[in-house]
PDB file of N, CA and C in Angstrom:
ATOM      1  N   MET A   1     -10.054  10.542 -16.696  1.00  0.00           N
ATOM      2  CA  MET A   1      -9.800  12.106 -17.066  1.00  0.00           C
ATOM      3  C   MET A   1      -9.646  12.781 -18.169  1.00  0.00           C
ATOM      4  N   PRO A   2     -10.465  13.881 -18.707  1.00  0.00           N
ATOM      5  CA  PRO A   2     -10.545  14.448 -19.614  1.00  0.00           C
ATOM      6  C   PRO A   2      -8.977  14.947 -20.359  1.00  0.00           C
ATOM      7  N   THR A   3      -9.061  14.980 -21.462  1.00  0.00           N
ATOM      8  CA  THR A   3      -7.531  15.333 -22.416  1.00  0.00           C
ATOM      9  C   THR A   3      -7.811  16.708 -22.896  1.00  0.00           C
ATOM     10  N   TYR A   4      -6.767  17.772 -22.463  1.00  0.00           N
ATOM     11  CA  TYR A   4      -6.854  19.011 -22.886  1.00  0.00           C
ATOM     12  C   TYR A   4      -5.738  19.101 -23.806  1.00  0.00           C
ATOM     13  N   THR A   5      -5.864  20.237 -25.052  1.00  0.00           N
ATOM     14  CA  THR A   5      -5.236  20.223 -25.811  1.00  0.00           C
ATOM     15  C   THR A   5      -4.428  22.016 -25.490  1.00  0.00           C
ATOM     16  N   MET A   6      -3.048  21.585 -24.699  1.00  0.00           N
ATOM     17  CA  MET A   6      -2.765  23.115 -24.090  1.00  0.00           C
ATOM     18  C   MET A   6      -1.711  23.725 -25.089  1.00  0.00           C
ATOM     19  N   ILE A   7      -1.497  25.027 -25.267  1.00  0.00           N
ATOM     20  CA  ILE A   7      -0.688  25.843 -26.210  1.00  0.00           C
ATOM     21  C   ILE A   7       0.056  26.907 -25.157  1.00  0.00           C
ATOM     22  N   ASP A   8       1.307  26.049 -25.247  1.00  0.00           N
ATOM     23  CA  ASP A   8       2.929  27.092 -24.078  1.00  0.00           C
ATOM     24  C   ASP A   8       2.596  28.178 -24.899  1.00  0.00           C
ATOM     25  N   LYS A   9       2.386  29.218 -24.017  1.00  0.00           N
ATOM     26  CA  LYS A   9       2.670  30.654 -24.574  1.00  0.00           C
ATOM     27  C   LYS A   9       4.205  31.014 -24.979  1.00  0.00           C
ATOM     28  N   GLU A  10       5.270  30.594 -24.250  1.00  0.00           N
ATOM     29  CA  GLU A  10       6.049  30.893 -24.709  1.00  0.00           C
ATOM     30  C   GLU A  10       6.881  30.174 -25.869  1.00  0.00           C
ATOM     31  N   THR A  11       6.709  29.126 -26.227  1.00  0.00           N
ATOM     32  CA  THR A  11       7.197  28.137 -27.108  1.00  0.00           C
ATOM     33  C   THR A  11       5.930  28.424 -28.610  1.00  0.00           C
ATOM     34  N   GLY A  12       4.645  28.591 -28.246  1.00  0.00           N
ATOM     35  CA  GLY A  12       3.922  28.071 -28.813  1.00  0.00           C
ATOM     36  C   GLY A  12       3.488  26.591 -29.482  1.00  0.00           C
ATOM     37  N   LYS A  13       4.130  26.036 -28.838  1.00  0.00           N
ATOM     38  CA  LYS A  13       4.081  24.278 -29.127  1.00  0.00           C
ATOM     39  C   LYS A  13       2.460  23.893 -27.872  1.00  0.00           C
ATOM     40  N   GLU A  14       2.104  23.059 -28.708  1.00  0.00           N
ATOM     41  CA  GLU A  14       0.786  22.353 -28.441  1.00  0.00           C
ATOM     42  C   GLU A  14       1.108  20.855 -27.891  1.00  0.00           C
ATOM     43  N   GLN A  15       0.582  21.041 -26.882  1.00  0.00           N
ATOM     44  CA  GLN A  15       0.432  19.442 -26.365  1.00  0.00           C
ATOM     45  C   GLN A  15      -0.708  18.892 -25.620  1.00  0.00           C
ATOM     46  N   ASP A  16      -1.204  17.452 -25.666  1.00  0.00           N
ATOM     47  CA  ASP A  16      -2.386  17.098 -25.141  1.00  0.00           C
ATOM     48  C   ASP A  16      -1.898  16.532 -23.719  1.00  0.00           C
ATOM     49  N   MET A  17      -2.627  17.169 -22.735  1.00  0.00           N
ATOM     50  CA  MET A  17      -2.289  16.878 -21.341  1.00  0.00           C
ATOM     51  C   MET A  17      -3.820  16.198 -20.795  1.00  0.00           C
ATOM     52  N   VAL A  18      -3.504  15.176 -19.890  1.00  0.00           N
ATOM     53  CA  VAL A  18      -4.761  14.332 -19.007  1.00  0.00           C
ATOM     54  C   VAL A  18      -4.688  15.101 -18.166  1.00  0.00           C
ATOM     55  N   LEU A  19      -5.870  15.842 -17.573  1.00  0.00           N
ATOM     56  CA  LEU A  19      -5.483  16.861 -16.372  1.00  0.00           C
ATOM     57  C   LEU A  19      -7.099  16.621 -15.620  1.00  0.00           C
ATOM     58  N   THR A  20      -7.092  16.884 -14.414  1.00  0.00           N
ATOM     59  CA  THR A  20      -8.283  17.184 -13.524  1.00  0.00           C
ATOM     60  C   THR A  20      -8.885  18.354 -14.063  1.00  0.00           C
ATOM     61  N   PHE A  21     -10.246  18.537 -13.891  1.00  0.00           N
ATOM     62  CA  PHE A  21     -10.523  20.041 -14.258  1.00  0.00           C
ATOM     63  C   PHE A  21      -9.949  21.095 -13.381  1.00  0.00           C
ATOM     64  N   ALA A  22      -9.493  20.800 -12.106  1.00  0.00           N
ATOM     65  CA  ALA A  22      -8.626  21.470 -11.099  1.00  0.00           C
ATOM     66  C   ALA A  22      -7.305  22.185 -11.532  1.00  0.00           C
ATOM     67  N   GLU A  23      -6.757  20.982 -12.129  1.00  0.00           N
ATOM     68  CA  GLU A  23      -5.342  21.336 -12.613  1.00  0.00           C
ATOM     69  C   GLU A  23      -5.405  21.986 -13.825  1.00  0.00           C
ATOM     70  N   ARG A  24      -6.768  21.800 -14.707  1.00  0.00           N
ATOM     71  CA  ARG A  24      -6.394  22.630 -15.858  1.00  0.00           C
ATOM     72  C   ARG A  24      -6.733  24.146 -15.478  1.00  0.00           C
ATOM     73  N   ASP A  25      -7.580  24.772 -14.379  1.00  0.00           N
ATOM     74  CA  ASP A  25      -7.659  25.855 -13.888  1.00  0.00           C
ATOM     75  C   ASP A  25      -6.546  26.207 -13.701  1.00  0.00           C
ATOM     76  N   ASN A  26      -5.697  25.530 -12.741  1.00  0.00           N
ATOM     77  CA  ASN A  26      -4.781  26.087 -12.202  1.00  0.00           C
ATOM     78  C   ASN A  26      -3.248  26.409 -13.126  1.00  0.00           C
ATOM     79  N   LEU A  27      -3.520  25.676 -14.459  1.00  0.00           N
ATOM     80  CA  LEU A  27      -2.382  25.956 -15.541  1.00  0.00           C
ATOM     81  C   LEU A  27      -2.729  27.199 -15.978  1.00  0.00           C
ATOM     82  N   LEU A  28      -4.144  27.220 -16.322  1.00  0.00           N
ATOM     83  CA  LEU A  28      -4.535  28.454 -16.911  1.00  0.00           C
ATOM     84  C   LEU A  28      -4.442  29.473 -16.236  1.00  0.00           C
ATOM     85  N   ALA A  29      -4.773  29.683 -14.586  1.00  0.00           N
ATOM     86  CA  ALA A  29      -4.554  30.506 -13.745  1.00  0.00           C
ATOM     87  C   ALA A  29      -2.705  31.086 -13.707  1.00  0.00           C
ATOM     88  N   GLU A  30      -1.910  30.428 -13.815  1.00  0.00           N
ATOM     89  CA  GLU A  30      -0.639  30.694 -13.947  1.00  0.00           C
ATOM     90  C   GLU A  30      -0.139  31.412 -14.757  1.00  0.00           C
ATOM     91  N   GLY A  31      -0.858  31.284 -16.525  1.00  0.00           N
ATOM     92  CA  GLY A  31      -0.721  32.385 -17.148  1.00  0.00           C
ATOM     93  C   GLY A  31       0.218  31.765 -18.285  1.00  0.00           C
ATOM     94  N   ARG A  32       0.783  30.473 -18.208  1.00  0.00           N
ATOM     95  CA  ARG A  32       2.441  30.326 -19.131  1.00  0.00           C
ATOM     96  C   ARG A  32       1.038  29.470 -20.191  1.00  0.00           C
ATOM     97  N   PHE A  33      -0.057  29.067 -20.050  1.00  0.00           N
ATOM     98  CA  PHE A  33      -0.522  28.074 -21.249  1.00  0.00           C
ATOM     99  C   PHE A  33      -2.083  28.437 -21.342  1.00  0.00           C
ATOM    100  N   THR A  34      -2.436  28.556 -22.763  1.00  0.00           N
ATOM    101  CA  THR A  34      -3.905  28.766 -23.073  1.00  0.00           C
ATOM    102  C   THR A  34      -4.344  27.277 -23.491  1.00  0.00           C
ATOM    103  N   GLN A  35      -5.509  27.352 -23.437  1.00  0.00           N
ATOM    104  CA  GLN A  35      -6.438  26.006 -24.156  1.00  0.00           C
ATOM    105  C   GLN A  35      -6.803  26.351 -25.277  1.00  0.00           C
ATOM    106  N   LYS A  36      -6.658  25.287 -26.283  1.00  0.00           N
ATOM    107  CA  LYS A  36      -7.069  25.160 -27.460  1.00  0.00           C
ATOM    108  C   LYS A  36      -8.519  24.595 -27.469  1.00  0.00           C
ATOM    109  N   LEU A  37      -9.325  25.767 -28.441  1.00  0.00           N
ATOM    110  CA  LEU A  37     -10.852  25.024 -27.598  1.00  0.00           C
ATOM    111  C   LEU A  37     -11.097  24.411 -29.344  1.00  0.00           C
ATOM    112  N   ASN A  38     -11.364  22.767 -29.108  1.00  0.00           N
ATOM    113  CA  ASN A  38     -11.456  22.011 -30.245  1.00  0.00           C
ATOM    114  C   ASN A  38     -12.943  21.071 -29.447  1.00  0.00           C
ATOM    115  N   ALA A  39     -12.799  20.113 -30.747  1.00  0.00           N
ATOM    116  CA  ALA A  39     -14.228  19.073 -30.372  1.00  0.00           C
ATOM    117  C   ALA A  39     -13.683  18.088 -29.041  1.00  0.00           C
ATOM    118  N   PRO A  40     -14.563  17.659 -28.244  1.00  0.00           N
ATOM    119  CA  PRO A  40     -13.770  16.477 -27.672  1.00  0.00           C
ATOM    120  C   PRO A  40     -13.507  15.372 -27.766  1.00  0.00           C
ATOM    121  N   LYS A  41     -12.511  14.677 -27.613  1.00  0.00           N
ATOM    122  CA  LYS A  41     -12.070  13.516 -28.160  1.00  0.00           C
ATOM    123  C   LYS A  41     -13.004  12.205 -27.316  1.00  0.00           C
ATOM    124  N   ILE A  42     -13.332  11.532 -28.101  1.00  0.00           N
ATOM    125  CA  ILE A  42     -14.301  10.231 -28.030  1.00  0.00           C
ATOM    126  C   ILE A  42     -13.793   9.308 -28.189  1.00  0.00           C
ATOM    127  N   VAL A  43     -13.786   8.473 -26.923  1.00  0.00           N
ATOM    128  CA  VAL A  43     -13.151   7.214 -27.230  1.00  0.00           C
ATOM    129  C   VAL A  43     -14.181   6.154 -27.327  1.00  0.00           C
ATOM    130  N   SER A  44     -13.708   5.591 -28.336  1.00  0.00           N
ATOM    131  CA  SER A  44     -15.020   3.922 -28.800  1.00  0.00           C
ATOM    132  C   SER A  44     -13.935   2.953 -28.913  1.00  0.00           C
ATOM    133  N   HIS A  45     -15.135   1.719 -28.896  1.00  0.00           N
ATOM    134  CA  HIS A  45     -14.215   0.772 -29.202  1.00  0.00           C
ATOM    135  C   HIS A  45     -13.919   0.394 -30.676  1.00  0.00           C
ATOM    136  N   VAL A  46     -12.874  -0.459 -30.870  1.00  0.00           N
ATOM    137  CA  VAL A  46     -12.333  -0.833 -32.349  1.00  0.00           C
ATOM    138  C   VAL A  46     -12.899  -2.104 -32.721  1.00  0.00           C
ATOM    139  N   GLY A  47     -13.516  -2.511 -33.703  1.00  0.00           N
ATOM    140  CA  GLY A  47     -13.578  -4.004 -34.052  1.00  0.00           C
ATOM    141  C   GLY A  47     -15.134  -3.979 -33.881  1.00  0.00           C
ATOM    142  N   GLY A  48     -15.813  -5.502 -34.178  1.00  0.00           N
ATOM    143  CA  GLY A  48     -16.726  -5.817 -33.497  1.00  0.00           C
ATOM    144  C   GLY A  48     -17.151  -6.018 -31.891  1.00  0.00           C
ATOM    145  N   THR A  49     -18.044  -6.271 -31.540  1.00  0.00           N
ATOM    146  CA  THR A  49     -18.265  -6.537 -30.140  1.00  0.00           C
ATOM    147  C   THR A  49     -18.107  -8.111 -29.871  1.00  0.00           C
ATOM    148  N   LEU A  50     -18.388  -8.898 -30.933  1.00  0.00           N
ATOM    149  CA  LEU A  50     -18.174 -10.345 -30.843  1.00  0.00           C
ATOM    150  C   LEU A  50     -16.746 -10.746 -30.640  1.00  0.00           C
ATOM    151  N   LYS A  51     -15.906  -9.865 -31.127  1.00  0.00           N
ATOM    152  CA  LYS A  51     -14.553 -10.366 -30.945  1.00  0.00           C
ATOM    153  C   LYS A  51     -14.094 -10.184 -29.235  1.00  0.00           C
ATOM    154  N   GLN A  52     -14.604  -9.309 -28.861  1.00  0.00           N
ATOM    155  CA  GLN A  52     -14.256  -9.049 -27.814  1.00  0.00           C
ATOM    156  C   GLN A  52     -15.047  -9.823 -26.300  1.00  0.00           C
ATOM    157  N   THR A  53     -15.978 -10.579 -26.787  1.00  0.00           N
ATOM    158  CA  THR A  53     -16.741 -11.537 -25.682  1.00  0.00           C
ATOM    159  C   THR A  53     -16.315 -12.789 -25.746  1.00  0.00           C
ATOM    160  N   SER A  54     -16.413 -13.672 -24.688  1.00  0.00           N
ATOM    161  CA  SER A  54     -16.114 -14.595 -24.360  1.00  0.00           C
ATOM    162  C   SER A  54     -16.562 -15.685 -25.244  1.00  0.00           C
ATOM    163  N   ASP A  55     -15.949 -17.022 -25.050  1.00  0.00           N
ATOM    164  CA  ASP A  55     -16.358 -18.000 -25.619  1.00  0.00           C
ATOM    165  C   ASP A  55     -17.914 -18.544 -25.356  1.00  0.00           C
ATOM    166  N   GLY A  56     -18.079 -18.322 -24.252  1.00  0.00           N
ATOM    167  CA  GLY A  56     -19.215 -18.748 -23.631  1.00  0.00           C
ATOM    168  C   GLY A  56     -20.540 -18.092 -24.348  1.00  0.00           C
ATOM    169  N   TYR A  57     -20.501 -16.742 -24.555  1.00  0.00           N
ATOM    170  CA  TYR A  57     -21.269 -16.160 -24.782  1.00  0.00           C
ATOM    171  C   TYR A  57     -21.714 -16.530 -26.869  1.00  0.00           C
ATOM    172  N   LYS A  58     -20.196 -16.864 -27.192  1.00  0.00           N
ATOM    173  CA  LYS A  58     -20.542 -17.536 -28.482  1.00  0.00           C
ATOM    174  C   LYS A  58     -21.251 -18.570 -28.512  1.00  0.00           C
ATOM    175  N   ASP A  59     -21.188 -19.585 -27.612  1.00  0.00           N
ATOM    176  CA  ASP A  59     -21.666 -20.642 -27.691  1.00  0.00           C
ATOM    177  C   ASP A  59     -23.304 -20.490 -27.780  1.00  0.00           C
ATOM    178  N   LEU A  60     -23.667 -19.737 -26.549  1.00  0.00           N
ATOM    179  CA  LEU A  60     -24.896 -19.263 -26.172  1.00  0.00           C
ATOM    180  C   LEU A  60     -25.698 -18.832 -27.607  1.00  0.00           C
ATOM    181  N   LEU A  61     -24.992 -17.788 -28.574  1.00  0.00           N
ATOM    182  CA  LEU A  61     -25.651 -17.446 -29.533  1.00  0.00           C
ATOM    183  C   LEU A  61     -25.796 -18.369 -30.572  1.00  0.00           C
ATOM    184  N   LYS A  62     -24.819 -19.642 -30.704  1.00  0.00           N
ATOM    185  CA  LYS A  62     -24.721 -20.586 -31.684  1.00  0.00           C
ATOM    186  C   LYS A  62     -25.843 -21.412 -31.354  1.00  0.00           C
ATOM    187  N   LYS A  63     -26.476 -22.015 -30.044  1.00  0.00           N
ATOM    188  CA  LYS A  63     -27.504 -22.401 -29.790  1.00  0.00           C
ATOM    189  C   LYS A  63     -28.761 -21.813 -29.989  1.00  0.00           C
ATOM    190  N   ILE A  64     -29.061 -20.286 -29.924  1.00  0.00           N
ATOM    191  CA  ILE A  64     -30.113 -19.380 -30.138  1.00  0.00           C
ATOM    192  C   ILE A  64     -30.357 -19.509 -31.416  1.00  0.00           C
ATOM    193  N   LYS A  65     -28.746 -19.345 -32.376  1.00  0.00           N
ATOM    194  CA  LYS A  65     -29.281 -19.541 -33.683  1.00  0.00           C
ATOM    195  C   LYS A  65     -29.721 -20.736 -34.243  1.00  0.00           C
ATOM    196  N   LYS A  66     -28.944 -21.947 -33.879  1.00  0.00           N
ATOM    197  CA  LYS A  66     -29.704 -23.507 -34.397  1.00  0.00           C
ATOM    198  C   LYS A  66     -31.290 -23.304 -33.837  1.00  0.00           C
ATOM    199  N   GLY A  67     -31.609 -22.750 -32.653  1.00  0.00           N
ATOM    200  CA  GLY A  67     -33.063 -22.966 -32.476  1.00  0.00           C
ATOM    201  C   GLY A  67     -34.130 -21.925 -33.161  1.00  0.00           C
ATOM    202  N   SER A  68     -33.266 -20.778 -33.526  1.00  0.00           N
ATOM    203  CA  SER A  68     -34.322 -20.170 -33.871  1.00  0.00           C
ATOM    204  C   SER A  68     -34.875 -20.056 -35.417  1.00  0.00           C
ATOM    205  N   GLY A  69     -34.271 -21.464 -36.060  1.00  0.00           N
ATOM    206  CA  GLY A  69     -35.320 -20.950 -37.285  1.00  0.00           C
ATOM    207  C   GLY A  69     -34.562 -21.073 -38.778  1.00  0.00           C
ATOM    208  N   LYS A  70     -35.201 -21.284 -39.930  1.00  0.00           N
ATOM    209  CA  LYS A  70     -34.353 -21.153 -41.302  1.00  0.00           C
ATOM    210  C   LYS A  70     -34.090 -19.903 -41.468  1.00  0.00           C
ATOM    211  N   ASP A  71     -35.019 -18.926 -41.326  1.00  0.00           N
ATOM    212  CA  ASP A  71     -34.448 -17.655 -41.901  1.00  0.00           C
ATOM    213  C   ASP A  71     -33.812 -16.495 -41.005  1.00  0.00           C
ATOM    214  N   ASN A  72     -33.352 -17.072 -40.112  1.00  0.00           N
ATOM    215  CA  ASN A  72     -32.561 -16.180 -39.017  1.00  0.00           C
ATOM    216  C   ASN A  72     -31.487 -15.441 -39.381  1.00  0.00           C
ATOM    217  N   THR A  73     -31.435 -14.392 -38.717  1.00  0.00           N
ATOM    218  CA  THR A  73     -29.950 -13.171 -39.266  1.00  0.00           C
ATOM    219  C   THR A  73     -29.002 -12.874 -38.088  1.00  0.00           C
ATOM    220  N   ILE A  74     -29.013 -13.912 -37.393  1.00  0.00           N
ATOM    221  CA  ILE A  74     -28.085 -13.908 -36.291  1.00  0.00           C
ATOM    222  C   ILE A  74     -26.571 -14.360 -36.549  1.00  0.00           C
ATOM    223  N   ASN A  75     -25.813 -13.018 -36.439  1.00  0.00           N
ATOM    224  CA  ASN A  75     -24.259 -13.513 -37.082  1.00  0.00           C
ATOM    225  C   ASN A  75     -23.604 -13.802 -35.461  1.00  0.00           C
ATOM    226  N   VAL A  76     -22.770 -15.068 -36.245  1.00  0.00           N
ATOM    227  CA  VAL A  76     -22.112 -15.734 -34.852  1.00  0.00           C
ATOM    228  C   VAL A  76     -20.731 -15.641 -35.496  1.00  0.00           C
TER     229      VAL A  76
END
């Protein structure tokens, strides 16, 4: 579900809320909150993909590197 930054009209306090689109519409219709328009929050992975793979895949890469020749650029 997306994260929306909502502003409480009474207090002026901003808070991030994880809401469905329908829940967001209901909050806005009640009139207590307004939505702060900002860029969407994009989640991506942290670190390299080799740190997150299994040992079997790393062993396969080592075999490929060993058989690929002298000037290969495979990082294991």
